[in-house]
Amino acid sequence: MSKILLVEDDSTMRVLLKTLLELDGHKVSMITDPKQDILQSILDQRPETLIMDVNLRYANGIEVLKKIRQNPIDWKLHILMTSGMDLRDQCSQAGADGFLLKPYMPDELNRQLKKAQAL
């Protein structure tokens, strides 16, 4: 299906999402080291979709999103943001292509990913 980079600092959520996405046929890589540069990982791995939590312990996801969108990337990168707070408008204004309010169902995640693939 697609290549996905997952940026989630909650290890349980990260493992669950990786498993669900791989069962659906996606190739999933994850950032688990808080010192790992997210933008550099995107440039190195060239994912089609980035799924990133807004409230990372080690970074503000919205600020990271703005930094990504300000950088010239020569492929279509769909960015899906997630949060336990409804930050849909803030994420959209910062450049997100989609938003999932936690907790969300796998069906909603799949719908967002299909939307990304259709672009």
C-alpha atoms as a PDB file:
ATOM      1  CA  MET A   1       0.000   0.000   0.000  1.00  0.00           C
ATOM      2  CA  SER A   2       2.066   2.966   1.211  1.00  0.00           C
ATOM      3  CA  LYS A   3       5.168   3.911   3.145  1.00  0.00           C
ATOM      4  CA  ILE A   4       4.309   5.529   6.499  1.00  0.00           C
ATOM      5  CA  LEU A   5       6.489   7.249   9.070  1.00  0.00           C
ATOM      6  CA  LEU A   6       4.979   7.182  12.545  1.00  0.00           C
ATOM      7  CA  VAL A   7       5.929   9.795  15.161  1.00  0.00           C
ATOM      8  CA  GLU A   8       4.258   8.886  18.450  1.00  0.00           C
ATOM      9  CA  ASP A   9       5.953   9.010  21.847  1.00  0.00           C
ATOM     10  CA  ASP A  10       3.526   6.666  23.630  1.00  0.00           C
ATOM     11  CA  SER A  11       5.078   3.220  23.167  1.00  0.00           C
ATOM     12  CA  THR A  12       1.788   1.322  23.532  1.00  0.00           C
ATOM     13  CA  MET A  13       0.063   3.495  20.939  1.00  0.00           C
ATOM     14  CA  ARG A  14       3.091   3.267  18.656  1.00  0.00           C
ATOM     15  CA  VAL A  15       3.169  -0.548  18.706  1.00  0.00           C
ATOM     16  CA  LEU A  16      -0.605  -0.784  18.245  1.00  0.00           C
ATOM     17  CA  LEU A  17      -0.603   1.609  15.285  1.00  0.00           C
ATOM     18  CA  LYS A  18       2.372  -0.114  13.666  1.00  0.00           C
ATOM     19  CA  THR A  19       0.652  -3.491  13.962  1.00  0.00           C
ATOM     20  CA  LEU A  20      -2.660  -2.202  12.562  1.00  0.00           C
ATOM     21  CA  LEU A  21      -0.981  -0.429   9.673  1.00  0.00           C
ATOM     22  CA  GLU A  22       1.198  -3.416   8.777  1.00  0.00           C
ATOM     23  CA  LEU A  23      -1.837  -5.721   8.855  1.00  0.00           C
ATOM     24  CA  ASP A  24      -3.363  -3.410   6.228  1.00  0.00           C
ATOM     25  CA  GLY A  25      -0.258  -3.846   4.067  1.00  0.00           C
ATOM     26  CA  HIS A  26       1.562  -0.597   4.804  1.00  0.00           C
ATOM     27  CA  LYS A  27       5.316  -0.388   5.288  1.00  0.00           C
ATOM     28  CA  VAL A  28       5.777   1.397   8.636  1.00  0.00           C
ATOM     29  CA  SER A  29       8.856   2.979  10.155  1.00  0.00           C
ATOM     30  CA  MET A  30       8.861   4.778  13.476  1.00  0.00           C
ATOM     31  CA  ILE A  31      10.790   7.460  15.268  1.00  0.00           C
ATOM     32  CA  THR A  32      11.431   6.144  18.762  1.00  0.00           C
ATOM     33  CA  ASP A  33      14.489   8.174  19.747  1.00  0.00           C
ATOM     34  CA  PRO A  34      13.574  11.672  21.004  1.00  0.00           C
ATOM     35  CA  LYS A  35      16.947  12.921  19.725  1.00  0.00           C
ATOM     36  CA  GLN A  36      16.209  11.768  16.190  1.00  0.00           C
ATOM     37  CA  ASP A  37      15.560  14.696  13.860  1.00  0.00           C
ATOM     38  CA  ILE A  38      12.040  14.304  12.433  1.00  0.00           C
ATOM     39  CA  LEU A  39      12.650  16.439   9.349  1.00  0.00           C
ATOM     40  CA  GLN A  40      15.875  14.602   8.526  1.00  0.00           C
ATOM     41  CA  SER A  41      14.104  11.251   8.964  1.00  0.00           C
ATOM     42  CA  ILE A  42      11.447  12.378   6.490  1.00  0.00           C
ATOM     43  CA  LEU A  43      14.083  13.440   3.977  1.00  0.00           C
ATOM     44  CA  ASP A  44      15.998  10.161   4.421  1.00  0.00           C
ATOM     45  CA  GLN A  45      12.999   7.803   4.349  1.00  0.00           C
ATOM     46  CA  ARG A  46      10.730   9.674   1.891  1.00  0.00           C
ATOM     47  CA  PRO A  47       7.429   8.375   3.312  1.00  0.00           C
ATOM     48  CA  GLU A  48       4.165   8.973   1.506  1.00  0.00           C
ATOM     49  CA  THR A  49       2.388   9.620   4.801  1.00  0.00           C
ATOM     50  CA  LEU A  50       3.520  11.015   8.133  1.00  0.00           C
ATOM     51  CA  ILE A  51       1.341  10.258  11.160  1.00  0.00           C
ATOM     52  CA  MET A  52       2.428  12.510  14.017  1.00  0.00           C
ATOM     53  CA  ASP A  53       1.133  13.209  17.505  1.00  0.00           C
ATOM     54  CA  VAL A  54       0.746  16.889  18.371  1.00  0.00           C
ATOM     55  CA  ASN A  55       1.799  16.529  22.005  1.00  0.00           C
ATOM     56  CA  LEU A  56       5.164  14.835  21.885  1.00  0.00           C
ATOM     57  CA  ARG A  57       7.180  14.816  25.107  1.00  0.00           C
ATOM     58  CA  TYR A  58      10.235  16.002  23.216  1.00  0.00           C
ATOM     59  CA  ALA A  59       8.696  18.370  20.643  1.00  0.00           C
ATOM     60  CA  ASN A  60       5.619  20.382  19.763  1.00  0.00           C
ATOM     61  CA  GLY A  61       4.073  18.553  16.818  1.00  0.00           C
ATOM     62  CA  ILE A  62       2.490  21.702  15.381  1.00  0.00           C
ATOM     63  CA  GLU A  63       5.864  23.472  15.347  1.00  0.00           C
ATOM     64  CA  VAL A  64       7.463  20.419  13.713  1.00  0.00           C
ATOM     65  CA  LEU A  65       4.632  20.414  11.151  1.00  0.00           C
ATOM     66  CA  LYS A  66       5.291  24.075  10.293  1.00  0.00           C
ATOM     67  CA  LYS A  67       9.005  23.352   9.911  1.00  0.00           C
ATOM     68  CA  ILE A  68       8.267  20.444   7.569  1.00  0.00           C
ATOM     69  CA  ARG A  69       5.927  22.524   5.413  1.00  0.00           C
ATOM     70  CA  GLN A  70       8.492  25.346   5.173  1.00  0.00           C
ATOM     71  CA  ASN A  71      11.096  22.941   3.802  1.00  0.00           C
ATOM     72  CA  PRO A  72      11.204  22.110   0.111  1.00  0.00           C
ATOM     73  CA  ILE A  73      10.195  18.464  -0.285  1.00  0.00           C
ATOM     74  CA  ASP A  74      10.106  17.147  -3.842  1.00  0.00           C
ATOM     75  CA  TRP A  75       7.351  14.565  -3.357  1.00  0.00           C
ATOM     76  CA  LYS A  76       3.787  14.633  -2.065  1.00  0.00           C
ATOM     77  CA  LEU A  77       3.863  14.073   1.692  1.00  0.00           C
ATOM     78  CA  HIS A  78       0.481  13.598   3.335  1.00  0.00           C
ATOM     79  CA  ILE A  79       0.626  14.640   7.000  1.00  0.00           C
ATOM     80  CA  LEU A  80      -1.938  13.279   9.412  1.00  0.00           C
ATOM     81  CA  MET A  81      -1.858  14.785  12.910  1.00  0.00           C
ATOM     82  CA  THR A  82      -3.306  13.166  16.039  1.00  0.00           C
ATOM     83  CA  SER A  83      -4.133  14.495  19.501  1.00  0.00           C
ATOM     84  CA  GLY A  84      -6.309  13.868  22.531  1.00  0.00           C
ATOM     85  CA  MET A  85      -7.438  17.501  22.270  1.00  0.00           C
ATOM     86  CA  ASP A  86      -9.392  18.860  19.325  1.00  0.00           C
ATOM     87  CA  LEU A  87      -6.638  20.829  17.612  1.00  0.00           C
ATOM     88  CA  ARG A  88      -8.008  20.215  14.121  1.00  0.00           C
ATOM     89  CA  ASP A  89      -8.072  23.900  13.131  1.00  0.00           C
ATOM     90  CA  GLN A  90      -4.568  24.629  14.440  1.00  0.00           C
ATOM     91  CA  CYS A  91      -3.163  21.594  12.639  1.00  0.00           C
ATOM     92  CA  SER A  92      -4.941  22.492   9.411  1.00  0.00           C
ATOM     93  CA  GLN A  93      -3.623  26.069   9.565  1.00  0.00           C
ATOM     94  CA  ALA A  94      -0.101  24.736  10.128  1.00  0.00           C
ATOM     95  CA  GLY A  95      -0.328  22.545   7.019  1.00  0.00           C
ATOM     96  CA  ALA A  96      -1.805  19.192   8.070  1.00  0.00           C
ATOM     97  CA  ASP A  97      -3.756  17.233   5.493  1.00  0.00           C
ATOM     98  CA  GLY A  98      -5.854  15.470   8.114  1.00  0.00           C
ATOM     99  CA  PHE A  99      -6.503  15.168  11.837  1.00  0.00           C
ATOM    100  CA  LEU A 100      -7.574  12.335  14.120  1.00  0.00           C
ATOM    101  CA  LEU A 101      -8.953  13.005  17.591  1.00  0.00           C
ATOM    102  CA  LYS A 102      -7.784  10.352  20.068  1.00  0.00           C
ATOM    103  CA  PRO A 103      -9.090   7.871  20.796  1.00  0.00           C
ATOM    104  CA  TYR A 104     -10.005   7.021  17.247  1.00  0.00           C
ATOM    105  CA  MET A 105     -11.151   3.837  15.592  1.00  0.00           C
ATOM    106  CA  PRO A 106      -9.042   1.978  13.018  1.00  0.00           C
ATOM    107  CA  ASP A 107     -11.781   2.672  10.442  1.00  0.00           C
ATOM    108  CA  GLU A 108     -11.205   6.416  10.788  1.00  0.00           C
ATOM    109  CA  LEU A 109      -7.450   5.953  10.362  1.00  0.00           C
ATOM    110  CA  ASN A 110      -8.046   3.840   7.239  1.00  0.00           C
ATOM    111  CA  ARG A 111     -10.421   6.461   5.838  1.00  0.00           C
ATOM    112  CA  GLN A 112      -7.796   9.187   6.310  1.00  0.00           C
ATOM    113  CA  LEU A 113      -5.107   7.038   4.679  1.00  0.00           C
ATOM    114  CA  LYS A 114      -7.326   6.265   1.681  1.00  0.00           C
ATOM    115  CA  LYS A 115      -8.019   9.963   1.340  1.00  0.00           C
ATOM    116  CA  ALA A 116      -4.268  10.582   1.282  1.00  0.00           C
ATOM    117  CA  GLN A 117      -3.690   7.944  -1.393  1.00  0.00           C
ATOM    118  CA  ALA A 118      -6.351   9.510  -3.583  1.00  0.00           C
ATOM    119  CA  LEU A 119      -4.461  12.825  -3.701  1.00  0.00           C
END
